Amino acid sequence: ALRFARLRIEKRHNYLRKVAETANQVFITSDKVNVYGLVLAGLAEFKNELAETDILDQRIREKIITLVDVSYGLENGLVQAVELAKGALEGTKYIKESQLIGKFFEEISKDQAGKVCYGIK
């Protein structure tokens, strides 16, 4: 059992290293961080370990806005992460556009007898 525990810990560390090194490659170009901020989301403690590891470049760690726990993976997890981090993301272009699109759909869903017009000018 101890051997399997060590193997599991080693695999987890290798995965942490891979994620951190990939983040370093993706989020740093021309020796500068190319994002304004990051939201780390995930199940369990992995996101916390990633945020604290020295493998992740210090400049990227400084850009972490918040850590959120999500219950899902893939697209559903992304949607949940954005929803949970909404307070920390307030004022960002994405949130403003989401609110604008929400208002747009709200207006066109009202029965206004042809009072709504949309399209390309």
PDB file of N, CA and C in Angstrom:
ATOM      1  N   ALA A   1       0.829  -1.196   0.000  1.00  0.00           N
ATOM      2  CA  ALA A   1       0.000   0.000   0.000  1.00  0.00           C
ATOM      3  C   ALA A   1       0.868   1.252   0.000  1.00  0.00           C
ATOM      4  N   LEU A   2       1.977   1.211   0.738  1.00  0.00           N
ATOM      5  CA  LEU A   2       2.865   2.368   0.797  1.00  0.00           C
ATOM      6  C   LEU A   2       3.479   2.646  -0.571  1.00  0.00           C
ATOM      7  N   ARG A   3       3.823   1.595  -1.288  1.00  0.00           N
ATOM      8  CA  ARG A   3       4.397   1.732  -2.627  1.00  0.00           C
ATOM      9  C   ARG A   3       3.408   2.421  -3.560  1.00  0.00           C
ATOM     10  N   PHE A   4       2.141   2.004  -3.514  1.00  0.00           N
ATOM     11  CA  PHE A   4       1.124   2.605  -4.373  1.00  0.00           C
ATOM     12  C   PHE A   4       0.875   4.066  -4.001  1.00  0.00           C
ATOM     13  N   ALA A   5       0.951   4.362  -2.720  1.00  0.00           N
ATOM     14  CA  ALA A   5       0.775   5.748  -2.276  1.00  0.00           C
ATOM     15  C   ALA A   5       1.893   6.620  -2.827  1.00  0.00           C
ATOM     16  N   ARG A   6       3.133   6.104  -2.773  1.00  0.00           N
ATOM     17  CA  ARG A   6       4.268   6.859  -3.326  1.00  0.00           C
ATOM     18  C   ARG A   6       4.126   7.064  -4.822  1.00  0.00           C
ATOM     19  N   LEU A   7       3.678   6.030  -5.528  1.00  0.00           N
ATOM     20  CA  LEU A   7       3.473   6.137  -6.973  1.00  0.00           C
ATOM     21  C   LEU A   7       2.396   7.172  -7.296  1.00  0.00           C
ATOM     22  N   ARG A   8       1.335   7.182  -6.527  1.00  0.00           N
ATOM     23  CA  ARG A   8       0.252   8.134  -6.734  1.00  0.00           C
ATOM     24  C   ARG A   8       0.736   9.569  -6.497  1.00  0.00           C
ATOM     25  N   ILE A   9       1.503   9.766  -5.440  1.00  0.00           N
ATOM     26  CA  ILE A   9       2.056  11.089  -5.129  1.00  0.00           C
ATOM     27  C   ILE A   9       3.013  11.534  -6.233  1.00  0.00           C
ATOM     28  N   GLU A  10       3.833  10.606  -6.721  1.00  0.00           N
ATOM     29  CA  GLU A  10       4.772  10.924  -7.796  1.00  0.00           C
ATOM     30  C   GLU A  10       4.034  11.312  -9.075  1.00  0.00           C
ATOM     31  N   LYS A  11       2.980  10.568  -9.427  1.00  0.00           N
ATOM     32  CA  LYS A  11       2.189  10.886 -10.618  1.00  0.00           C
ATOM     33  C   LYS A  11       1.510  12.246 -10.486  1.00  0.00           C
ATOM     34  N   ARG A  12       1.007  12.531  -9.308  1.00  0.00           N
ATOM     35  CA  ARG A  12       0.359  13.827  -9.062  1.00  0.00           C
ATOM     36  C   ARG A  12       1.370  14.962  -9.207  1.00  0.00           C
ATOM     37  N   HIS A  13       2.566  14.769  -8.662  1.00  0.00           N
ATOM     38  CA  HIS A  13       3.610  15.794  -8.779  1.00  0.00           C
ATOM     39  C   HIS A  13       4.013  15.987 -10.243  1.00  0.00           C
ATOM     40  N   ASN A  14       4.137  14.896 -10.985  1.00  0.00           N
ATOM     41  CA  ASN A  14       4.491  15.000 -12.410  1.00  0.00           C
ATOM     42  C   ASN A  14       3.414  15.755 -13.187  1.00  0.00           C
ATOM     43  N   TYR A  15       2.153  15.506 -12.852  1.00  0.00           N
ATOM     44  CA  TYR A  15       1.050  16.214 -13.511  1.00  0.00           C
ATOM     45  C   TYR A  15       1.067  17.698 -13.138  1.00  0.00           C
ATOM     46  N   LEU A  16       1.334  17.998 -11.879  1.00  0.00           N
ATOM     47  CA  LEU A  16       1.443  19.378 -11.426  1.00  0.00           C
ATOM     48  C   LEU A  16       2.559  20.095 -12.181  1.00  0.00           C
ATOM     49  N   ARG A  17       3.688  19.418 -12.332  1.00  0.00           N
ATOM     50  CA  ARG A  17       4.815  19.989 -13.074  1.00  0.00           C
ATOM     51  C   ARG A  17       4.422  20.260 -14.526  1.00  0.00           C
ATOM     52  N   LYS A  18       3.738  19.310 -15.149  1.00  0.00           N
ATOM     53  CA  LYS A  18       3.329  19.459 -16.546  1.00  0.00           C
ATOM     54  C   LYS A  18       2.372  20.645 -16.718  1.00  0.00           C
ATOM     55  N   VAL A  19       1.401  20.762 -15.820  1.00  0.00           N
ATOM     56  CA  VAL A  19       0.437  21.870 -15.900  1.00  0.00           C
ATOM     57  C   VAL A  19       1.145  23.205 -15.682  1.00  0.00           C
ATOM     58  N   ALA A  20       2.017  23.281 -14.696  1.00  0.00           N
ATOM     59  CA  ALA A  20       2.727  24.527 -14.398  1.00  0.00           C
ATOM     60  C   ALA A  20       3.650  24.922 -15.552  1.00  0.00           C
ATOM     61  N   GLU A  21       4.374  23.968 -16.109  1.00  0.00           N
ATOM     62  CA  GLU A  21       5.266  24.274 -17.227  1.00  0.00           C
ATOM     63  C   GLU A  21       4.478  24.704 -18.467  1.00  0.00           C
ATOM     64  N   THR A  22       3.336  24.071 -18.699  1.00  0.00           N
ATOM     65  CA  THR A  22       2.490  24.467 -19.828  1.00  0.00           C
ATOM     66  C   THR A  22       1.960  25.881 -19.615  1.00  0.00           C
ATOM     67  N   ALA A  23       1.530  26.189 -18.393  1.00  0.00           N
ATOM     68  CA  ALA A  23       1.056  27.549 -18.084  1.00  0.00           C
ATOM     69  C   ALA A  23       2.182  28.557 -18.299  1.00  0.00           C
ATOM     70  N   ASN A  24       3.389  28.218 -17.893  1.00  0.00           N
ATOM     71  CA  ASN A  24       4.527  29.112 -18.107  1.00  0.00           C
ATOM     72  C   ASN A  24       4.741  29.383 -19.590  1.00  0.00           C
ATOM     73  N   GLN A  25       4.616  28.358 -20.419  1.00  0.00           N
ATOM     74  CA  GLN A  25       4.813  28.522 -21.862  1.00  0.00           C
ATOM     75  C   GLN A  25       3.689  29.322 -22.505  1.00  0.00           C
ATOM     76  N   VAL A  26       2.451  29.076 -22.069  1.00  0.00           N
ATOM     77  CA  VAL A  26       1.295  29.711 -22.695  1.00  0.00           C
ATOM     78  C   VAL A  26       1.113  31.158 -22.238  1.00  0.00           C
ATOM     79  N   PHE A  27       1.308  31.422 -20.960  1.00  0.00           N
ATOM     80  CA  PHE A  27       0.988  32.737 -20.410  1.00  0.00           C
ATOM     81  C   PHE A  27       2.164  33.694 -20.336  1.00  0.00           C
ATOM     82  N   ILE A  28       3.330  33.269 -20.805  1.00  0.00           N
ATOM     83  CA  ILE A  28       4.477  34.177 -20.859  1.00  0.00           C
ATOM     84  C   ILE A  28       5.005  34.188 -22.289  1.00  0.00           C
ATOM     85  N   THR A  29       4.976  35.364 -22.894  1.00  0.00           N
ATOM     86  CA  THR A  29       5.552  35.548 -24.227  1.00  0.00           C
ATOM     87  C   THR A  29       6.457  36.773 -24.185  1.00  0.00           C
ATOM     88  N   SER A  30       7.537  36.688 -24.897  1.00  0.00           N
ATOM     89  CA  SER A  30       8.531  37.781 -24.920  1.00  0.00           C
ATOM     90  C   SER A  30       8.905  38.211 -23.504  1.00  0.00           C
ATOM     91  N   ASP A  31       9.046  37.234 -22.628  1.00  0.00           N
ATOM     92  CA  ASP A  31       9.448  37.447 -21.237  1.00  0.00           C
ATOM     93  C   ASP A  31       8.471  38.316 -20.447  1.00  0.00           C
ATOM     94  N   LYS A  32       7.191  38.376 -20.906  1.00  0.00           N
ATOM     95  CA  LYS A  32       6.159  39.127 -20.192  1.00  0.00           C
ATOM     96  C   LYS A  32       4.905  38.278 -20.072  1.00  0.00           C
ATOM     97  N   VAL A  33       4.174  38.460 -18.983  1.00  0.00           N
ATOM     98  CA  VAL A  33       2.900  37.767 -18.805  1.00  0.00           C
ATOM     99  C   VAL A  33       1.894  38.387 -19.768  1.00  0.00           C
ATOM    100  N   ASN A  34       1.171  37.544 -20.509  1.00  0.00           N
ATOM    101  CA  ASN A  34       0.275  38.040 -21.544  1.00  0.00           C
ATOM    102  C   ASN A  34      -1.200  37.998 -21.157  1.00  0.00           C
ATOM    103  N   VAL A  35      -1.497  37.926 -19.852  1.00  0.00           N
ATOM    104  CA  VAL A  35      -2.879  37.953 -19.369  1.00  0.00           C
ATOM    105  C   VAL A  35      -2.989  38.982 -18.241  1.00  0.00           C
ATOM    106  N   TYR A  36      -4.188  39.512 -18.066  1.00  0.00           N
ATOM    107  CA  TYR A  36      -4.417  40.463 -16.981  1.00  0.00           C
ATOM    108  C   TYR A  36      -4.659  39.752 -15.660  1.00  0.00           C
ATOM    109  N   GLY A  37      -5.243  38.567 -15.732  1.00  0.00           N
ATOM    110  CA  GLY A  37      -5.527  37.830 -14.522  1.00  0.00           C
ATOM    111  C   GLY A  37      -5.934  36.403 -14.831  1.00  0.00           C
ATOM    112  N   LEU A  38      -5.854  35.550 -13.824  1.00  0.00           N
ATOM    113  CA  LEU A  38      -6.211  34.145 -13.968  1.00  0.00           C
ATOM    114  C   LEU A  38      -7.155  33.722 -12.850  1.00  0.00           C
ATOM    115  N   VAL A  39      -8.109  32.897 -13.212  1.00  0.00           N
ATOM    116  CA  VAL A  39      -8.969  32.251 -12.242  1.00  0.00           C
ATOM    117  C   VAL A  39      -8.600  30.783 -12.285  1.00  0.00           C
ATOM    118  N   LEU A  40      -8.157  30.240 -11.170  1.00  0.00           N
ATOM    119  CA  LEU A  40      -7.849  28.821 -11.099  1.00  0.00           C
ATOM    120  C   LEU A  40      -9.063  28.112 -10.526  1.00  0.00           C
ATOM    121  N   ALA A  41      -9.559  27.144 -11.271  1.00  0.00           N
ATOM    122  CA  ALA A  41     -10.754  26.418 -10.849  1.00  0.00           C
ATOM    123  C   ALA A  41     -10.508  24.931 -10.967  1.00  0.00           C
ATOM    124  N   GLY A  42     -11.165  24.175 -10.110  1.00  0.00           N
ATOM    125  CA  GLY A  42     -11.041  22.736 -10.197  1.00  0.00           C
ATOM    126  C   GLY A  42     -11.636  22.045  -8.987  1.00  0.00           C
ATOM    127  N   LEU A  43     -11.570  20.735  -9.044  1.00  0.00           N
ATOM    128  CA  LEU A  43     -12.030  19.906  -7.944  1.00  0.00           C
ATOM    129  C   LEU A  43     -10.895  19.765  -6.935  1.00  0.00           C
ATOM    130  N   ALA A  44     -11.211  19.599  -5.694  1.00  0.00           N
ATOM    131  CA  ALA A  44     -10.248  19.268  -4.643  1.00  0.00           C
ATOM    132  C   ALA A  44      -9.128  20.301  -4.501  1.00  0.00           C
ATOM    133  N   GLU A  45      -7.934  19.844  -4.121  1.00  0.00           N
ATOM    134  CA  GLU A  45      -6.829  20.721  -3.738  1.00  0.00           C
ATOM    135  C   GLU A  45      -5.826  21.034  -4.844  1.00  0.00           C
ATOM    136  N   PHE A  46      -6.006  20.472  -6.029  1.00  0.00           N
ATOM    137  CA  PHE A  46      -4.985  20.632  -7.059  1.00  0.00           C
ATOM    138  C   PHE A  46      -4.737  22.099  -7.405  1.00  0.00           C
ATOM    139  N   LYS A  47      -5.794  22.885  -7.513  1.00  0.00           N
ATOM    140  CA  LYS A  47      -5.647  24.297  -7.880  1.00  0.00           C
ATOM    141  C   LYS A  47      -4.848  25.051  -6.819  1.00  0.00           C
ATOM    142  N   ASN A  48      -5.025  24.676  -5.550  1.00  0.00           N
ATOM    143  CA  ASN A  48      -4.265  25.311  -4.466  1.00  0.00           C
ATOM    144  C   ASN A  48      -2.783  24.962  -4.573  1.00  0.00           C
ATOM    145  N   GLU A  49      -2.510  23.694  -4.853  1.00  0.00           N
ATOM    146  CA  GLU A  49      -1.117  23.264  -5.009  1.00  0.00           C
ATOM    147  C   GLU A  49      -0.475  23.975  -6.196  1.00  0.00           C
ATOM    148  N   LEU A  50      -1.221  24.114  -7.291  1.00  0.00           N
ATOM    149  CA  LEU A  50      -0.705  24.800  -8.474  1.00  0.00           C
ATOM    150  C   LEU A  50      -0.399  26.257  -8.156  1.00  0.00           C
ATOM    151  N   ALA A  51      -1.288  26.917  -7.441  1.00  0.00           N
ATOM    152  CA  ALA A  51      -1.097  28.330  -7.103  1.00  0.00           C
ATOM    153  C   ALA A  51       0.113  28.546  -6.204  1.00  0.00           C
ATOM    154  N   GLU A  52       0.492  27.531  -5.435  1.00  0.00           N
ATOM    155  CA  GLU A  52       1.575  27.671  -4.469  1.00  0.00           C
ATOM    156  C   GLU A  52       2.914  27.101  -4.942  1.00  0.00           C
ATOM    157  N   THR A  53       2.920  26.323  -6.010  1.00  0.00           N
ATOM    158  CA  THR A  53       4.154  25.666  -6.419  1.00  0.00           C
ATOM    159  C   THR A  53       5.159  26.654  -7.016  1.00  0.00           C
ATOM    160  N   ASP A  54       6.428  26.411  -6.744  1.00  0.00           N
ATOM    161  CA  ASP A  54       7.487  27.239  -7.311  1.00  0.00           C
ATOM    162  C   ASP A  54       7.725  26.933  -8.783  1.00  0.00           C
ATOM    163  N   ILE A  55       7.157  25.851  -9.275  1.00  0.00           N
ATOM    164  CA  ILE A  55       7.308  25.504 -10.695  1.00  0.00           C
ATOM    165  C   ILE A  55       6.564  26.518 -11.556  1.00  0.00           C
ATOM    166  N   LEU A  56       5.432  27.016 -11.044  1.00  0.00           N
ATOM    167  CA  LEU A  56       4.673  28.053 -11.748  1.00  0.00           C
ATOM    168  C   LEU A  56       5.410  29.376 -11.576  1.00  0.00           C
ATOM    169  N   ASP A  57       5.676  30.043 -12.679  1.00  0.00           N
ATOM    170  CA  ASP A  57       6.423  31.301 -12.661  1.00  0.00           C
ATOM    171  C   ASP A  57       5.786  32.304 -11.691  1.00  0.00           C
ATOM    172  N   GLN A  58       6.630  32.981 -10.935  1.00  0.00           N
ATOM    173  CA  GLN A  58       6.163  33.959  -9.945  1.00  0.00           C
ATOM    174  C   GLN A  58       5.287  35.029 -10.580  1.00  0.00           C
ATOM    175  N   ARG A  59       5.623  35.455 -11.793  1.00  0.00           N
ATOM    176  CA  ARG A  59       4.834  36.498 -12.469  1.00  0.00           C
ATOM    177  C   ARG A  59       3.417  36.018 -12.759  1.00  0.00           C
ATOM    178  N   ILE A  60       3.272  34.736 -13.045  1.00  0.00           N
ATOM    179  CA  ILE A  60       1.936  34.173 -13.280  1.00  0.00           C
ATOM    180  C   ILE A  60       1.189  34.058 -11.955  1.00  0.00           C
ATOM    181  N   ARG A  61       1.872  33.623 -10.913  1.00  0.00           N
ATOM    182  CA  ARG A  61       1.223  33.502  -9.598  1.00  0.00           C
ATOM    183  C   ARG A  61       0.676  34.844  -9.134  1.00  0.00           C
ATOM    184  N   GLU A  62       1.363  35.921  -9.471  1.00  0.00           N
ATOM    185  CA  GLU A  62       0.905  37.260  -9.098  1.00  0.00           C
ATOM    186  C   GLU A  62      -0.380  37.653  -9.831  1.00  0.00           C
ATOM    187  N   LYS A  63      -0.655  37.020 -10.966  1.00  0.00           N
ATOM    188  CA  LYS A  63      -1.838  37.342 -11.769  1.00  0.00           C
ATOM    189  C   LYS A  63      -3.072  36.529 -11.367  1.00  0.00           C
ATOM    190  N   ILE A  64      -2.937  35.630 -10.406  1.00  0.00           N
ATOM    191  CA  ILE A  64      -4.078  34.815  -9.981  1.00  0.00           C
ATOM    192  C   ILE A  64      -5.053  35.709  -9.226  1.00  0.00           C
ATOM    193  N   ILE A  65      -6.273  35.806  -9.756  1.00  0.00           N
ATOM    194  CA  ILE A  65      -7.302  36.643  -9.164  1.00  0.00           C
ATOM    195  C   ILE A  65      -8.005  35.916  -8.027  1.00  0.00           C
ATOM    196  N   THR A  66      -8.390  34.675  -8.295  1.00  0.00           N
ATOM    197  CA  THR A  66      -9.122  33.901  -7.293  1.00  0.00           C
ATOM    198  C   THR A  66      -9.029  32.409  -7.600  1.00  0.00           C
ATOM    199  N   LEU A  67      -9.320  31.609  -6.604  1.00  0.00           N
ATOM    200  CA  LEU A  67      -9.407  30.155  -6.736  1.00  0.00           C
ATOM    201  C   LEU A  67     -10.855  29.769  -6.456  1.00  0.00           C
ATOM    202  N   VAL A  68     -11.427  28.933  -7.321  1.00  0.00           N
ATOM    203  CA  VAL A  68     -12.816  28.517  -7.107  1.00  0.00           C
ATOM    204  C   VAL A  68     -12.939  27.000  -7.213  1.00  0.00           C
ATOM    205  N   ASP A  69     -13.817  26.447  -6.387  1.00  0.00           N
ATOM    206  CA  ASP A  69     -14.129  25.025  -6.428  1.00  0.00           C
ATOM    207  C   ASP A  69     -15.286  24.809  -7.385  1.00  0.00           C
ATOM    208  N   VAL A  70     -15.109  23.914  -8.336  1.00  0.00           N
ATOM    209  CA  VAL A  70     -16.179  23.588  -9.276  1.00  0.00           C
ATOM    210  C   VAL A  70     -16.542  22.122  -9.136  1.00  0.00           C
ATOM    211  N   SER A  71     -17.772  21.816  -9.502  1.00  0.00           N
ATOM    212  CA  SER A  71     -18.273  20.451  -9.378  1.00  0.00           C
ATOM    213  C   SER A  71     -18.218  19.688 -10.688  1.00  0.00           C
ATOM    214  N   TYR A  72     -17.941  20.393 -11.771  1.00  0.00           N
ATOM    215  CA  TYR A  72     -17.982  19.788 -13.093  1.00  0.00           C
ATOM    216  C   TYR A  72     -16.657  19.975 -13.809  1.00  0.00           C
ATOM    217  N   GLY A  73     -16.518  19.277 -14.920  1.00  0.00           N
ATOM    218  CA  GLY A  73     -15.367  19.446 -15.781  1.00  0.00           C
ATOM    219  C   GLY A  73     -15.799  20.017 -17.114  1.00  0.00           C
ATOM    220  N   LEU A  74     -14.841  20.210 -18.001  1.00  0.00           N
ATOM    221  CA  LEU A  74     -15.088  20.659 -19.368  1.00  0.00           C
ATOM    222  C   LEU A  74     -15.897  21.957 -19.421  1.00  0.00           C
ATOM    223  N   GLU A  75     -16.832  22.054 -20.366  1.00  0.00           N
ATOM    224  CA  GLU A  75     -17.567  23.301 -20.584  1.00  0.00           C
ATOM    225  C   GLU A  75     -18.431  23.681 -19.378  1.00  0.00           C
ATOM    226  N   ASN A  76     -19.094  22.695 -18.784  1.00  0.00           N
ATOM    227  CA  ASN A  76     -19.925  22.985 -17.609  1.00  0.00           C
ATOM    228  C   ASN A  76     -19.078  23.523 -16.457  1.00  0.00           C
ATOM    229  N   GLY A  77     -17.892  22.987 -16.308  1.00  0.00           N
ATOM    230  CA  GLY A  77     -16.984  23.463 -15.267  1.00  0.00           C
ATOM    231  C   GLY A  77     -16.523  24.883 -15.532  1.00  0.00           C
ATOM    232  N   LEU A  78     -16.270  25.202 -16.795  1.00  0.00           N
ATOM    233  CA  LEU A  78     -15.862  26.559 -17.157  1.00  0.00           C
ATOM    234  C   LEU A  78     -16.980  27.552 -16.858  1.00  0.00           C
ATOM    235  N   VAL A  79     -18.194  27.199 -17.248  1.00  0.00           N
ATOM    236  CA  VAL A  79     -19.350  28.066 -16.986  1.00  0.00           C
ATOM    237  C   VAL A  79     -19.522  28.269 -15.478  1.00  0.00           C
ATOM    238  N   GLN A  80     -19.402  27.193 -14.712  1.00  0.00           N
ATOM    239  CA  GLN A  80     -19.537  27.293 -13.262  1.00  0.00           C
ATOM    240  C   GLN A  80     -18.409  28.140 -12.665  1.00  0.00           C
ATOM    241  N   ALA A  81     -17.195  27.985 -13.169  1.00  0.00           N
ATOM    242  CA  ALA A  81     -16.067  28.763 -12.658  1.00  0.00           C
ATOM    243  C   ALA A  81     -16.275  30.253 -12.894  1.00  0.00           C
ATOM    244  N   VAL A  82     -16.738  30.616 -14.084  1.00  0.00           N
ATOM    245  CA  VAL A  82     -16.990  32.031 -14.385  1.00  0.00           C
ATOM    246  C   VAL A  82     -18.090  32.564 -13.479  1.00  0.00           C
ATOM    247  N   GLU A  83     -19.129  31.780 -13.284  1.00  0.00           N
ATOM    248  CA  GLU A  83     -20.237  32.202 -12.419  1.00  0.00           C
ATOM    249  C   GLU A  83     -19.753  32.408 -10.983  1.00  0.00           C
ATOM    250  N   LEU A  84     -18.954  31.477 -10.470  1.00  0.00           N
ATOM    251  CA  LEU A  84     -18.468  31.576  -9.090  1.00  0.00           C
ATOM    252  C   LEU A  84     -17.448  32.699  -8.909  1.00  0.00           C
ATOM    253  N   ALA A  85     -16.724  33.027  -9.972  1.00  0.00           N
ATOM    254  CA  ALA A  85     -15.696  34.066  -9.893  1.00  0.00           C
ATOM    255  C   ALA A  85     -16.227  35.428 -10.339  1.00  0.00           C
ATOM    256  N   LYS A  86     -17.522  35.520 -10.574  1.00  0.00           N
ATOM    257  CA  LYS A  86     -18.118  36.750 -11.105  1.00  0.00           C
ATOM    258  C   LYS A  86     -17.750  37.977 -10.272  1.00  0.00           C
ATOM    259  N   GLY A  87     -17.754  37.848  -8.972  1.00  0.00           N
ATOM    260  CA  GLY A  87     -17.408  38.978  -8.105  1.00  0.00           C
ATOM    261  C   GLY A  87     -15.987  39.455  -8.335  1.00  0.00           C
ATOM    262  N   ALA A  88     -15.067  38.517  -8.495  1.00  0.00           N
ATOM    263  CA  ALA A  88     -13.663  38.873  -8.718  1.00  0.00           C
ATOM    264  C   ALA A  88     -13.429  39.385 -10.139  1.00  0.00           C
ATOM    265  N   LEU A  89     -14.313  39.001 -11.061  1.00  0.00           N
ATOM    266  CA  LEU A  89     -14.161  39.401 -12.461  1.00  0.00           C
ATOM    267  C   LEU A  89     -14.967  40.649 -12.809  1.00  0.00           C
ATOM    268  N   GLU A  90     -15.645  41.230 -11.837  1.00  0.00           N
ATOM    269  CA  GLU A  90     -16.498  42.393 -12.083  1.00  0.00           C
ATOM    270  C   GLU A  90     -15.704  43.481 -12.808  1.00  0.00           C
ATOM    271  N   GLY A  91     -16.292  44.009 -13.851  1.00  0.00           N
ATOM    272  CA  GLY A  91     -15.640  45.065 -14.621  1.00  0.00           C
ATOM    273  C   GLY A  91     -14.847  44.564 -15.817  1.00  0.00           C
ATOM    274  N   THR A  92     -14.693  43.249 -15.958  1.00  0.00           N
ATOM    275  CA  THR A  92     -13.958  42.738 -17.102  1.00  0.00           C
ATOM    276  C   THR A  92     -14.841  42.766 -18.339  1.00  0.00           C
ATOM    277  N   LYS A  93     -14.225  42.754 -19.481  1.00  0.00           N
ATOM    278  CA  LYS A  93     -14.949  42.801 -20.753  1.00  0.00           C
ATOM    279  C   LYS A  93     -15.924  41.627 -20.878  1.00  0.00           C
ATOM    280  N   TYR A  94     -15.510  40.453 -20.462  1.00  0.00           N
ATOM    281  CA  TYR A  94     -16.364  39.267 -20.570  1.00  0.00           C
ATOM    282  C   TYR A  94     -17.653  39.446 -19.771  1.00  0.00           C
ATOM    283  N   ILE A  95     -17.538  39.901 -18.537  1.00  0.00           N
ATOM    284  CA  ILE A  95     -18.715  40.072 -17.681  1.00  0.00           C
ATOM    285  C   ILE A  95     -19.620  41.159 -18.249  1.00  0.00           C
ATOM    286  N   LYS A  96     -19.033  42.257 -18.707  1.00  0.00           N
ATOM    287  CA  LYS A  96     -19.843  43.334 -19.294  1.00  0.00           C
ATOM    288  C   LYS A  96     -20.609  42.840 -20.518  1.00  0.00           C
ATOM    289  N   GLU A  97     -19.917  42.080 -21.373  1.00  0.00           N
ATOM    290  CA  GLU A  97     -20.576  41.557 -22.572  1.00  0.00           C
ATOM    291  C   GLU A  97     -21.648  40.540 -22.211  1.00  0.00           C
ATOM    292  N   SER A  98     -21.396  39.705 -21.212  1.00  0.00           N
ATOM    293  CA  SER A  98     -22.395  38.732 -20.768  1.00  0.00           C
ATOM    294  C   SER A  98     -23.650  39.431 -20.264  1.00  0.00           C
ATOM    295  N   GLN A  99     -23.463  40.498 -19.500  1.00  0.00           N
ATOM    296  CA  GLN A  99     -24.599  41.257 -18.988  1.00  0.00           C
ATOM    297  C   GLN A  99     -25.363  41.922 -20.132  1.00  0.00           C
ATOM    298  N   LEU A 100     -24.641  42.457 -21.098  1.00  0.00           N
ATOM    299  CA  LEU A 100     -25.265  43.110 -22.248  1.00  0.00           C
ATOM    300  C   LEU A 100     -26.079  42.107 -23.068  1.00  0.00           C
ATOM    301  N   ILE A 101     -25.518  40.934 -23.306  1.00  0.00           N
ATOM    302  CA  ILE A 101     -26.237  39.897 -24.069  1.00  0.00           C
ATOM    303  C   ILE A 101     -27.457  39.421 -23.280  1.00  0.00           C
ATOM    304  N   GLY A 102     -27.314  39.297 -21.975  1.00  0.00           N
ATOM    305  CA  GLY A 102     -28.455  38.915 -21.137  1.00  0.00           C
ATOM    306  C   GLY A 102     -29.579  39.931 -21.229  1.00  0.00           C
ATOM    307  N   LYS A 103     -29.234  41.212 -21.183  1.00  0.00           N
ATOM    308  CA  LYS A 103     -30.242  42.275 -21.309  1.00  0.00           C
ATOM    309  C   LYS A 103     -30.879  42.238 -22.691  1.00  0.00           C
ATOM    310  N   PHE A 104     -30.072  41.991 -23.718  1.00  0.00           N
ATOM    311  CA  PHE A 104     -30.582  41.900 -25.083  1.00  0.00           C
ATOM    312  C   PHE A 104     -31.624  40.793 -25.194  1.00  0.00           C
ATOM    313  N   PHE A 105     -31.294  39.598 -24.697  1.00  0.00           N
ATOM    314  CA  PHE A 105     -32.232  38.483 -24.764  1.00  0.00           C
ATOM    315  C   PHE A 105     -33.484  38.750 -23.926  1.00  0.00           C
ATOM    316  N   GLU A 106     -33.309  39.431 -22.831  1.00  0.00           N
ATOM    317  CA  GLU A 106     -34.458  39.787 -22.000  1.00  0.00           C
ATOM    318  C   GLU A 106     -35.409  40.712 -22.769  1.00  0.00           C
ATOM    319  N   GLU A 107     -34.839  41.675 -23.467  1.00  0.00           N
ATOM    320  CA  GLU A 107     -35.663  42.623 -24.228  1.00  0.00           C
ATOM    321  C   GLU A 107     -36.367  41.954 -25.404  1.00  0.00           C
ATOM    322  N   ILE A 108     -35.664  41.080 -26.133  1.00  0.00           N
ATOM    323  CA  ILE A 108     -36.326  40.473 -27.292  1.00  0.00           C
ATOM    324  C   ILE A 108     -37.318  39.392 -26.883  1.00  0.00           C
ATOM    325  N   SER A 109     -37.215  38.913 -25.633  1.00  0.00           N
ATOM    326  CA  SER A 109     -38.179  37.907 -25.190  1.00  0.00           C
ATOM    327  C   SER A 109     -39.505  38.534 -24.769  1.00  0.00           C
ATOM    328  N   LYS A 110     -39.487  39.844 -24.546  1.00  0.00           N
ATOM    329  CA  LYS A 110     -40.727  40.541 -24.191  1.00  0.00           C
ATOM    330  C   LYS A 110     -41.607  40.658 -25.431  1.00  0.00           C
ATOM    331  N   ASP A 111     -42.877  40.538 -25.235  1.00  0.00           N
ATOM    332  CA  ASP A 111     -43.821  40.686 -26.338  1.00  0.00           C
ATOM    333  C   ASP A 111     -44.084  42.177 -26.536  1.00  0.00           C
ATOM    334  N   GLN A 112     -43.341  42.793 -27.449  1.00  0.00           N
ATOM    335  CA  GLN A 112     -43.446  44.234 -27.638  1.00  0.00           C
ATOM    336  C   GLN A 112     -44.027  44.608 -29.001  1.00  0.00           C
ATOM    337  N   ALA A 113     -44.692  43.679 -29.652  1.00  0.00           N
ATOM    338  CA  ALA A 113     -45.381  43.929 -30.920  1.00  0.00           C
ATOM    339  C   ALA A 113     -44.493  44.661 -31.934  1.00  0.00           C
ATOM    340  N   GLY A 114     -43.317  44.090 -32.177  1.00  0.00           N
ATOM    341  CA  GLY A 114     -42.449  44.653 -33.219  1.00  0.00           C
ATOM    342  C   GLY A 114     -41.632  45.859 -32.812  1.00  0.00           C
ATOM    343  N   LYS A 115     -41.484  46.083 -31.527  1.00  0.00           N
ATOM    344  CA  LYS A 115     -40.739  47.260 -31.060  1.00  0.00           C
ATOM    345  C   LYS A 115     -39.242  46.990 -30.914  1.00  0.00           C
ATOM    346  N   VAL A 116     -38.809  45.760 -31.205  1.00  0.00           N
ATOM    347  CA  VAL A 116     -37.394  45.419 -31.093  1.00  0.00           C
ATOM    348  C   VAL A 116     -36.857  45.158 -32.491  1.00  0.00           C
ATOM    349  N   CYS A 117     -35.723  45.774 -32.794  1.00  0.00           N
ATOM    350  CA  CYS A 117     -35.087  45.583 -34.087  1.00  0.00           C
ATOM    351  C   CYS A 117     -33.612  45.311 -33.837  1.00  0.00           C
ATOM    352  N   TYR A 118     -33.088  44.293 -34.510  1.00  0.00           N
ATOM    353  CA  TYR A 118     -31.667  43.995 -34.367  1.00  0.00           C
ATOM    354  C   TYR A 118     -31.143  43.476 -35.687  1.00  0.00           C
ATOM    355  N   GLY A 119     -29.868  43.625 -35.895  1.00  0.00           N
ATOM    356  CA  GLY A 119     -29.238  43.178 -37.132  1.00  0.00           C
ATOM    357  C   GLY A 119     -27.986  43.988 -37.407  1.00  0.00           C
ATOM    358  N   ILE A 120     -27.438  43.806 -38.601  1.00  0.00           N
ATOM    359  CA  ILE A 120     -26.221  44.502 -38.986  1.00  0.00           C
ATOM    360  C   ILE A 120     -26.628  45.746 -39.779  1.00  0.00           C
ATOM    361  N   LYS A 121     -26.065  46.887 -39.420  1.00  0.00           N
ATOM    362  CA  LYS A 121     -26.352  48.138 -40.134  1.00  0.00           C
ATOM    363  C   LYS A 121     -25.510  48.246 -41.365  1.00  0.00           C
TER     364      LYS A 121
END
